[in-house]
Amino acid sequence: MPKPKPILIACALVLTAGASSAVACQGGPEANKRVVAEAIARVWNAGDTAAIDRLFAPDYVDHSADPLLPDGPDGVRIVYTAMRAAFPDLQMAIQDQIADGELVATRVVLYGTNSGPFMGSAPTGNPVLIPAMHFDRVCDGRIAEHWAVIDTAALAAQLDTDSAVAD
């Protein structure tokens, strides 16, 4: 019997976790996709941090972030600020997006240049292209929960200046 693929396990966990929500939320799949797309466009791409309070629920939980980060919009601001400091030209391009009820799955590519410190390392000046899957639960027009599967191996390889091959 073939071994289950990690992405399928992640999807199953997200769908199970979101399905157990006891709160009845307003908004259909298409409206929920628009909320996530707007958060990407306004916050991550345009740098509109004022939109964070409108697009993220007060009790927002990022299940993929450092557990020491606060929940809610304050946690989003901290992650945004750290990523923007490390990659000032960071952009996120939506490749695919599907929704089922409150849950929105978005395949994205993040790209930018490592011009600032990142996770304790000095800036490399290297451009990066990072594939990722984002899973969001949207409730009443705001993102309430977030899970992410990011290709951290690809990111590490692109930031590794020691592995460059000399001509």
N, C-alpha and C. Protein backbone atom coordinates (compact mmCIF):
# COMPACT_ATOMS: atom_id res chain seq x y z
N MET A 1 0.85 -1.17 0.00
CA MET A 1 0.00 0.00 0.00
C MET A 1 0.89 1.24 0.00
N PRO A 2 0.61 2.23 -0.90
CA PRO A 2 1.46 3.42 -0.98
C PRO A 2 1.32 4.27 0.28
N LYS A 3 2.41 4.92 0.62
CA LYS A 3 2.45 5.80 1.79
C LYS A 3 1.66 7.08 1.46
N PRO A 4 0.81 7.60 2.40
CA PRO A 4 0.04 8.82 2.12
C PRO A 4 0.97 10.00 1.89
N LYS A 5 0.60 10.85 0.96
CA LYS A 5 1.38 12.04 0.66
C LYS A 5 1.14 13.08 1.76
N PRO A 6 2.20 13.79 2.21
CA PRO A 6 2.07 14.78 3.29
C PRO A 6 1.03 15.84 3.02
N ILE A 7 0.92 16.32 1.78
CA ILE A 7 -0.05 17.38 1.49
C ILE A 7 -1.47 16.89 1.68
N LEU A 8 -1.72 15.62 1.35
CA LEU A 8 -3.06 15.08 1.56
C LEU A 8 -3.38 14.98 3.04
N ILE A 9 -2.40 14.61 3.83
CA ILE A 9 -2.60 14.56 5.28
C ILE A 9 -2.90 15.96 5.81
N ALA A 10 -2.14 16.96 5.34
CA ALA A 10 -2.36 18.34 5.78
C ALA A 10 -3.76 18.79 5.41
N CYS A 11 -4.20 18.49 4.18
CA CYS A 11 -5.55 18.88 3.76
C CYS A 11 -6.61 18.22 4.63
N ALA A 12 -6.44 16.94 4.91
CA ALA A 12 -7.41 16.23 5.73
C ALA A 12 -7.48 16.83 7.13
N LEU A 13 -6.33 17.17 7.69
CA LEU A 13 -6.32 17.78 9.03
C LEU A 13 -7.00 19.13 9.02
N VAL A 14 -6.76 19.94 8.00
CA VAL A 14 -7.39 21.25 7.93
C VAL A 14 -8.89 21.11 7.77
N LEU A 15 -9.33 20.25 6.88
CA LEU A 15 -10.76 20.09 6.67
C LEU A 15 -11.45 19.55 7.91
N THR A 16 -10.79 18.65 8.62
CA THR A 16 -11.37 18.11 9.85
C THR A 16 -11.43 19.19 10.92
N ALA A 17 -10.36 19.96 11.07
CA ALA A 17 -10.32 21.00 12.09
C ALA A 17 -11.37 22.06 11.81
N GLY A 18 -11.49 22.48 10.55
CA GLY A 18 -12.46 23.52 10.22
C GLY A 18 -13.89 23.03 10.35
N ALA A 19 -14.12 21.78 10.03
CA ALA A 19 -15.47 21.25 10.07
C ALA A 19 -16.01 21.16 11.48
N SER A 20 -15.12 21.16 12.48
CA SER A 20 -15.59 21.01 13.85
C SER A 20 -15.97 22.33 14.48
N SER A 21 -15.90 23.42 13.71
CA SER A 21 -16.23 24.73 14.25
C SER A 21 -17.68 24.75 14.71
N ALA A 22 -17.90 25.24 15.94
CA ALA A 22 -19.25 25.27 16.50
C ALA A 22 -19.97 26.56 16.14
N VAL A 23 -19.27 27.55 15.57
CA VAL A 23 -19.85 28.84 15.25
C VAL A 23 -20.42 28.80 13.84
N ALA A 24 -21.69 29.23 13.70
CA ALA A 24 -22.29 29.33 12.38
C ALA A 24 -21.87 30.66 11.78
N CYS A 25 -21.24 30.60 10.62
CA CYS A 25 -20.69 31.80 9.99
C CYS A 25 -21.51 32.20 8.78
N GLN A 26 -21.55 33.50 8.54
CA GLN A 26 -22.21 34.05 7.36
C GLN A 26 -21.19 34.14 6.23
N GLY A 27 -21.66 34.02 5.02
CA GLY A 27 -20.79 34.15 3.85
C GLY A 27 -20.62 32.82 3.16
N GLY A 28 -20.74 32.85 1.85
CA GLY A 28 -20.59 31.63 1.07
C GLY A 28 -19.18 31.48 0.54
N PRO A 29 -18.93 30.38 -0.17
CA PRO A 29 -17.59 30.08 -0.67
C PRO A 29 -16.99 31.20 -1.53
N GLU A 30 -17.74 31.77 -2.44
CA GLU A 30 -17.20 32.81 -3.32
C GLU A 30 -16.84 34.06 -2.52
N ALA A 31 -17.70 34.45 -1.59
CA ALA A 31 -17.40 35.62 -0.74
C ALA A 31 -16.17 35.35 0.12
N ASN A 32 -16.05 34.13 0.61
CA ASN A 32 -14.89 33.78 1.46
C ASN A 32 -13.59 33.80 0.65
N LYS A 33 -13.65 33.34 -0.60
CA LYS A 33 -12.47 33.42 -1.46
C LYS A 33 -12.05 34.87 -1.68
N ARG A 34 -13.03 35.75 -1.84
CA ARG A 34 -12.72 37.18 -2.03
C ARG A 34 -12.06 37.78 -0.80
N VAL A 35 -12.47 37.37 0.40
CA VAL A 35 -11.85 37.87 1.63
C VAL A 35 -10.38 37.49 1.67
N VAL A 36 -10.07 36.24 1.39
CA VAL A 36 -8.67 35.78 1.41
C VAL A 36 -7.87 36.48 0.32
N ALA A 37 -8.42 36.59 -0.88
CA ALA A 37 -7.72 37.28 -1.97
C ALA A 37 -7.48 38.75 -1.62
N GLU A 38 -8.43 39.38 -0.96
CA GLU A 38 -8.26 40.77 -0.56
C GLU A 38 -7.17 40.91 0.51
N ALA A 39 -7.11 39.97 1.44
CA ALA A 39 -6.05 40.01 2.46
C ALA A 39 -4.68 39.89 1.81
N ILE A 40 -4.56 39.02 0.82
CA ILE A 40 -3.29 38.87 0.12
C ILE A 40 -2.95 40.16 -0.64
N ALA A 41 -3.93 40.68 -1.38
CA ALA A 41 -3.68 41.88 -2.19
C ALA A 41 -3.40 43.11 -1.33
N ARG A 42 -4.23 43.33 -0.32
CA ARG A 42 -4.11 44.57 0.46
C ARG A 42 -2.99 44.52 1.48
N VAL A 43 -2.93 43.44 2.27
CA VAL A 43 -1.94 43.38 3.35
C VAL A 43 -0.59 42.95 2.82
N TRP A 44 -0.50 41.76 2.26
CA TRP A 44 0.80 41.20 1.88
C TRP A 44 1.41 41.90 0.68
N ASN A 45 0.61 42.24 -0.33
CA ASN A 45 1.18 42.83 -1.54
C ASN A 45 1.28 44.35 -1.50
N ALA A 46 0.23 45.02 -1.00
CA ALA A 46 0.22 46.49 -1.00
C ALA A 46 0.76 47.09 0.30
N GLY A 47 0.90 46.25 1.34
CA GLY A 47 1.42 46.76 2.60
C GLY A 47 0.42 47.57 3.41
N ASP A 48 -0.86 47.38 3.16
CA ASP A 48 -1.91 48.12 3.85
C ASP A 48 -2.20 47.46 5.21
N THR A 49 -1.39 47.78 6.20
CA THR A 49 -1.56 47.15 7.52
C THR A 49 -2.84 47.61 8.22
N ALA A 50 -3.40 48.73 7.80
CA ALA A 50 -4.67 49.19 8.38
C ALA A 50 -5.80 48.21 8.04
N ALA A 51 -5.66 47.44 6.96
CA ALA A 51 -6.69 46.48 6.56
C ALA A 51 -6.68 45.23 7.44
N ILE A 52 -5.63 45.03 8.22
CA ILE A 52 -5.53 43.82 9.05
C ILE A 52 -6.72 43.72 10.01
N ASP A 53 -7.06 44.80 10.69
CA ASP A 53 -8.17 44.74 11.66
C ASP A 53 -9.51 44.45 10.99
N ARG A 54 -9.67 44.86 9.74
CA ARG A 54 -10.93 44.62 9.04
C ARG A 54 -11.01 43.21 8.46
N LEU A 55 -9.86 42.65 8.06
CA LEU A 55 -9.86 41.36 7.36
C LEU A 55 -9.59 40.15 8.25
N PHE A 56 -9.07 40.37 9.46
CA PHE A 56 -8.77 39.27 10.38
C PHE A 56 -9.61 39.41 11.64
N ALA A 57 -10.21 38.30 12.07
CA ALA A 57 -11.08 38.30 13.24
C ALA A 57 -10.30 38.64 14.51
N PRO A 58 -10.96 39.25 15.48
CA PRO A 58 -10.28 39.58 16.74
C PRO A 58 -9.68 38.35 17.42
N ASP A 59 -10.30 37.18 17.22
CA ASP A 59 -9.82 35.94 17.84
C ASP A 59 -9.10 35.05 16.82
N TYR A 60 -8.57 35.65 15.76
CA TYR A 60 -7.84 34.94 14.70
C TYR A 60 -6.73 34.06 15.30
N VAL A 61 -6.60 32.84 14.76
CA VAL A 61 -5.55 31.92 15.19
C VAL A 61 -4.77 31.44 13.97
N ASP A 62 -3.46 31.62 14.01
CA ASP A 62 -2.58 31.10 12.97
C ASP A 62 -1.96 29.82 13.50
N HIS A 63 -2.47 28.69 13.04
CA HIS A 63 -2.02 27.38 13.54
C HIS A 63 -0.61 27.01 13.04
N SER A 64 -0.08 27.77 12.09
CA SER A 64 1.24 27.48 11.55
C SER A 64 2.33 28.39 12.09
N ALA A 65 1.95 29.39 12.84
CA ALA A 65 2.93 30.37 13.33
C ALA A 65 3.58 29.90 14.63
N ASP A 66 4.60 30.62 15.01
CA ASP A 66 5.28 30.38 16.29
C ASP A 66 4.23 30.44 17.41
N PRO A 67 4.15 29.43 18.26
CA PRO A 67 3.14 29.44 19.32
C PRO A 67 3.31 30.57 20.32
N LEU A 68 4.45 31.24 20.32
CA LEU A 68 4.66 32.36 21.23
C LEU A 68 4.05 33.66 20.70
N LEU A 69 3.66 33.68 19.42
CA LEU A 69 3.02 34.86 18.86
C LEU A 69 1.61 35.01 19.40
N PRO A 70 1.16 36.24 19.59
CA PRO A 70 -0.21 36.43 20.06
C PRO A 70 -1.20 36.07 18.96
N ASP A 71 -2.40 35.66 19.36
CA ASP A 71 -3.48 35.45 18.41
C ASP A 71 -4.03 36.82 18.02
N GLY A 72 -4.96 36.83 17.09
CA GLY A 72 -5.61 38.06 16.69
C GLY A 72 -4.79 38.86 15.70
N PRO A 73 -5.30 40.03 15.33
CA PRO A 73 -4.61 40.89 14.37
C PRO A 73 -3.20 41.27 14.79
N ASP A 74 -2.92 41.34 16.09
CA ASP A 74 -1.56 41.68 16.53
C ASP A 74 -0.54 40.65 16.06
N GLY A 75 -0.90 39.38 16.07
CA GLY A 75 -0.01 38.34 15.57
C GLY A 75 0.24 38.48 14.08
N VAL A 76 -0.81 38.84 13.33
CA VAL A 76 -0.66 39.06 11.88
C VAL A 76 0.33 40.20 11.64
N ARG A 77 0.18 41.29 12.41
CA ARG A 77 1.08 42.44 12.25
C ARG A 77 2.54 42.06 12.52
N ILE A 78 2.77 41.23 13.54
CA ILE A 78 4.13 40.81 13.86
C ILE A 78 4.74 39.99 12.73
N VAL A 79 3.98 39.03 12.21
CA VAL A 79 4.47 38.20 11.10
C VAL A 79 4.71 39.07 9.86
N TYR A 80 3.75 39.95 9.56
CA TYR A 80 3.89 40.83 8.40
C TYR A 80 5.15 41.69 8.52
N THR A 81 5.34 42.30 9.69
CA THR A 81 6.48 43.19 9.90
C THR A 81 7.81 42.44 9.75
N ALA A 82 7.89 41.22 10.30
CA ALA A 82 9.12 40.43 10.20
C ALA A 82 9.39 40.03 8.74
N MET A 83 8.35 39.60 8.03
CA MET A 83 8.55 39.19 6.64
C MET A 83 8.91 40.37 5.76
N ARG A 84 8.27 41.51 5.99
CA ARG A 84 8.54 42.70 5.18
C ARG A 84 9.95 43.24 5.47
N ALA A 85 10.43 43.11 6.71
CA ALA A 85 11.79 43.55 7.03
C ALA A 85 12.82 42.66 6.34
N ALA A 86 12.54 41.37 6.25
CA ALA A 86 13.47 40.43 5.61
C ALA A 86 13.38 40.48 4.09
N PHE A 87 12.18 40.70 3.58
CA PHE A 87 11.93 40.72 2.13
C PHE A 87 11.11 41.97 1.80
N PRO A 88 11.74 43.14 1.71
CA PRO A 88 11.01 44.39 1.53
C PRO A 88 10.13 44.43 0.27
N ASP A 89 10.50 43.67 -0.75
CA ASP A 89 9.73 43.65 -1.99
C ASP A 89 8.82 42.42 -2.09
N LEU A 90 8.51 41.81 -0.97
CA LEU A 90 7.71 40.58 -0.93
C LEU A 90 6.37 40.76 -1.65
N GLN A 91 6.05 39.79 -2.47
CA GLN A 91 4.76 39.72 -3.14
C GLN A 91 4.26 38.29 -3.06
N MET A 92 2.94 38.13 -3.10
CA MET A 92 2.33 36.81 -3.05
C MET A 92 1.36 36.71 -4.22
N ALA A 93 1.58 35.75 -5.09
CA ALA A 93 0.73 35.57 -6.27
C ALA A 93 -0.16 34.34 -6.07
N ILE A 94 -1.45 34.54 -6.23
CA ILE A 94 -2.40 33.43 -6.13
C ILE A 94 -2.34 32.61 -7.42
N GLN A 95 -2.09 31.31 -7.28
CA GLN A 95 -2.04 30.39 -8.42
C GLN A 95 -3.39 29.69 -8.61
N ASP A 96 -3.97 29.24 -7.52
CA ASP A 96 -5.27 28.56 -7.54
C ASP A 96 -5.98 28.85 -6.23
N GLN A 97 -7.30 28.81 -6.27
CA GLN A 97 -8.06 29.01 -5.05
C GLN A 97 -9.38 28.27 -5.17
N ILE A 98 -9.69 27.47 -4.14
CA ILE A 98 -10.98 26.77 -4.08
C ILE A 98 -11.56 26.95 -2.69
N ALA A 99 -12.87 26.83 -2.59
CA ALA A 99 -13.51 27.00 -1.29
C ALA A 99 -14.65 26.00 -1.15
N ASP A 100 -14.88 25.63 0.09
CA ASP A 100 -16.00 24.77 0.46
C ASP A 100 -16.53 25.32 1.77
N GLY A 101 -17.65 26.00 1.72
CA GLY A 101 -18.21 26.60 2.92
C GLY A 101 -17.27 27.66 3.48
N GLU A 102 -16.90 27.50 4.75
CA GLU A 102 -16.03 28.46 5.43
C GLU A 102 -14.56 28.31 5.06
N LEU A 103 -14.18 27.19 4.48
CA LEU A 103 -12.77 26.89 4.23
C LEU A 103 -12.34 27.31 2.83
N VAL A 104 -11.19 27.99 2.77
CA VAL A 104 -10.63 28.43 1.51
C VAL A 104 -9.20 27.88 1.41
N ALA A 105 -8.92 27.18 0.32
CA ALA A 105 -7.57 26.68 0.05
C ALA A 105 -6.98 27.54 -1.07
N THR A 106 -5.79 28.07 -0.83
CA THR A 106 -5.16 28.96 -1.79
C THR A 106 -3.72 28.50 -2.02
N ARG A 107 -3.42 28.20 -3.29
CA ARG A 107 -2.03 27.88 -3.66
C ARG A 107 -1.38 29.16 -4.12
N VAL A 108 -0.28 29.51 -3.47
CA VAL A 108 0.40 30.77 -3.77
C VAL A 108 1.87 30.55 -4.06
N VAL A 109 2.48 31.56 -4.63
CA VAL A 109 3.93 31.64 -4.76
C VAL A 109 4.32 32.99 -4.15
N LEU A 110 5.23 32.93 -3.19
CA LEU A 110 5.78 34.15 -2.60
C LEU A 110 7.10 34.42 -3.30
N TYR A 111 7.35 35.68 -3.59
CA TYR A 111 8.64 36.01 -4.20
C TYR A 111 9.12 37.36 -3.69
N GLY A 112 10.41 37.50 -3.62
CA GLY A 112 11.02 38.73 -3.15
C GLY A 112 12.51 38.55 -3.02
N THR A 113 13.15 39.57 -2.46
CA THR A 113 14.60 39.56 -2.30
C THR A 113 14.95 39.65 -0.83
N ASN A 114 15.81 38.77 -0.36
CA ASN A 114 16.21 38.77 1.05
C ASN A 114 17.20 39.91 1.31
N SER A 115 16.64 41.06 1.68
CA SER A 115 17.44 42.27 1.90
C SER A 115 17.58 42.64 3.37
N GLY A 116 16.99 41.84 4.26
CA GLY A 116 17.07 42.11 5.69
C GLY A 116 17.27 40.82 6.46
N PRO A 117 17.59 40.91 7.74
CA PRO A 117 17.78 39.69 8.55
C PRO A 117 16.53 38.81 8.51
N PHE A 118 16.77 37.50 8.48
CA PHE A 118 15.65 36.55 8.44
C PHE A 118 15.97 35.36 9.32
N MET A 119 15.15 35.15 10.32
CA MET A 119 15.27 34.03 11.24
C MET A 119 16.69 33.90 11.79
N GLY A 120 17.27 35.02 12.20
CA GLY A 120 18.58 35.03 12.82
C GLY A 120 19.75 35.04 11.86
N SER A 121 19.48 35.07 10.57
CA SER A 121 20.56 35.07 9.57
C SER A 121 20.66 36.44 8.91
N ALA A 122 21.88 36.80 8.53
CA ALA A 122 22.11 38.06 7.83
C ALA A 122 21.47 38.00 6.44
N PRO A 123 21.13 39.15 5.88
CA PRO A 123 20.56 39.17 4.53
C PRO A 123 21.54 38.60 3.50
N THR A 124 21.00 37.89 2.53
CA THR A 124 21.85 37.29 1.49
C THR A 124 21.82 38.08 0.19
N GLY A 125 20.76 38.87 0.01
CA GLY A 125 20.58 39.56 -1.26
C GLY A 125 20.00 38.65 -2.33
N ASN A 126 19.72 37.40 -1.96
CA ASN A 126 19.22 36.43 -2.92
C ASN A 126 17.72 36.62 -3.19
N PRO A 127 17.32 36.48 -4.45
CA PRO A 127 15.89 36.43 -4.74
C PRO A 127 15.35 35.06 -4.33
N VAL A 128 14.10 35.02 -3.92
CA VAL A 128 13.48 33.75 -3.55
C VAL A 128 12.13 33.61 -4.24
N LEU A 129 11.75 32.37 -4.48
CA LEU A 129 10.46 32.00 -5.04
C LEU A 129 9.99 30.82 -4.20
N ILE A 130 8.95 31.02 -3.40
CA ILE A 130 8.56 30.04 -2.41
C ILE A 130 7.12 29.56 -2.66
N PRO A 131 6.94 28.30 -3.06
CA PRO A 131 5.58 27.78 -3.19
C PRO A 131 4.98 27.48 -1.82
N ALA A 132 3.68 27.71 -1.70
CA ALA A 132 3.00 27.46 -0.43
C ALA A 132 1.52 27.17 -0.66
N MET A 133 0.95 26.49 0.30
CA MET A 133 -0.51 26.26 0.35
C MET A 133 -1.02 26.93 1.61
N HIS A 134 -2.07 27.71 1.47
CA HIS A 134 -2.69 28.37 2.61
C HIS A 134 -4.12 27.85 2.73
N PHE A 135 -4.51 27.58 3.94
CA PHE A 135 -5.87 27.14 4.24
C PHE A 135 -6.42 28.10 5.27
N ASP A 136 -7.55 28.74 4.94
CA ASP A 136 -8.13 29.73 5.84
C ASP A 136 -9.59 29.40 6.10
N ARG A 137 -10.00 29.62 7.35
CA ARG A 137 -11.42 29.54 7.69
C ARG A 137 -11.91 30.97 7.82
N VAL A 138 -12.91 31.30 7.02
CA VAL A 138 -13.46 32.65 7.00
C VAL A 138 -14.82 32.63 7.67
N CYS A 139 -15.02 33.55 8.59
CA CYS A 139 -16.28 33.64 9.31
C CYS A 139 -16.73 35.10 9.34
N ASP A 140 -17.92 35.35 8.85
CA ASP A 140 -18.50 36.69 8.86
C ASP A 140 -17.61 37.73 8.19
N GLY A 141 -16.99 37.35 7.07
CA GLY A 141 -16.20 38.28 6.29
C GLY A 141 -14.80 38.54 6.81
N ARG A 142 -14.34 37.74 7.78
CA ARG A 142 -12.99 37.89 8.32
C ARG A 142 -12.31 36.53 8.40
N ILE A 143 -11.00 36.54 8.24
CA ILE A 143 -10.24 35.30 8.38
C ILE A 143 -10.14 34.98 9.87
N ALA A 144 -10.63 33.81 10.25
CA ALA A 144 -10.69 33.41 11.66
C ALA A 144 -9.57 32.44 12.03
N GLU A 145 -9.18 31.58 11.07
CA GLU A 145 -8.12 30.61 11.33
C GLU A 145 -7.28 30.45 10.07
N HIS A 146 -6.00 30.09 10.28
CA HIS A 146 -5.07 29.94 9.15
C HIS A 146 -4.14 28.76 9.41
N TRP A 147 -3.91 27.99 8.35
CA TRP A 147 -2.92 26.91 8.35
C TRP A 147 -2.09 27.11 7.08
N ALA A 148 -0.83 26.80 7.11
CA ALA A 148 0.00 26.93 5.92
C ALA A 148 0.95 25.76 5.80
N VAL A 149 1.21 25.37 4.56
CA VAL A 149 2.23 24.38 4.23
C VAL A 149 3.17 25.10 3.28
N ILE A 150 4.38 25.40 3.75
CA ILE A 150 5.35 26.20 2.99
C ILE A 150 6.55 25.32 2.66
N ASP A 151 7.06 25.48 1.46
CA ASP A 151 8.22 24.70 1.04
C ASP A 151 9.47 25.33 1.65
N THR A 152 9.71 25.04 2.92
CA THR A 152 10.84 25.63 3.64
C THR A 152 12.18 25.11 3.11
N ALA A 153 12.21 23.91 2.54
CA ALA A 153 13.44 23.39 1.95
C ALA A 153 13.84 24.23 0.74
N ALA A 154 12.87 24.61 -0.07
CA ALA A 154 13.15 25.46 -1.23
C ALA A 154 13.64 26.83 -0.76
N LEU A 155 13.02 27.37 0.28
CA LEU A 155 13.45 28.66 0.81
C LEU A 155 14.88 28.59 1.33
N ALA A 156 15.18 27.56 2.11
CA ALA A 156 16.53 27.42 2.67
C ALA A 156 17.57 27.28 1.55
N ALA A 157 17.26 26.52 0.53
CA ALA A 157 18.20 26.34 -0.57
C ALA A 157 18.45 27.65 -1.31
N GLN A 158 17.42 28.45 -1.47
CA GLN A 158 17.57 29.72 -2.18
C GLN A 158 18.32 30.77 -1.36
N LEU A 159 18.30 30.64 -0.05
CA LEU A 159 18.99 31.57 0.81
C LEU A 159 20.41 31.13 1.11
N ASP A 160 20.76 29.89 0.77
CA ASP A 160 22.06 29.32 1.11
C ASP A 160 23.12 29.80 0.12
N THR A 161 23.92 30.77 0.53
CA THR A 161 24.98 31.29 -0.35
C THR A 161 26.17 30.33 -0.42
N ASP A 162 26.30 29.42 0.56
CA ASP A 162 27.43 28.48 0.58
C ASP A 162 27.30 27.39 -0.48
N SER A 163 26.07 27.17 -0.96
CA SER A 163 25.89 26.06 -1.91
C SER A 163 26.05 26.51 -3.36
N ALA A 164 26.37 27.78 -3.58
CA ALA A 164 26.55 28.26 -4.96
C ALA A 164 27.75 27.55 -5.59
N VAL A 165 27.59 27.18 -6.84
CA VAL A 165 28.65 26.47 -7.56
C VAL A 165 29.55 27.51 -8.23
N ALA A 166 30.84 27.38 -8.02
CA ALA A 166 31.79 28.31 -8.65
C ALA A 166 32.00 27.92 -10.10
N ASP A 167 32.16 28.93 -10.94
CA ASP A 167 32.42 28.67 -12.37
C ASP A 167 33.85 28.32 -12.62
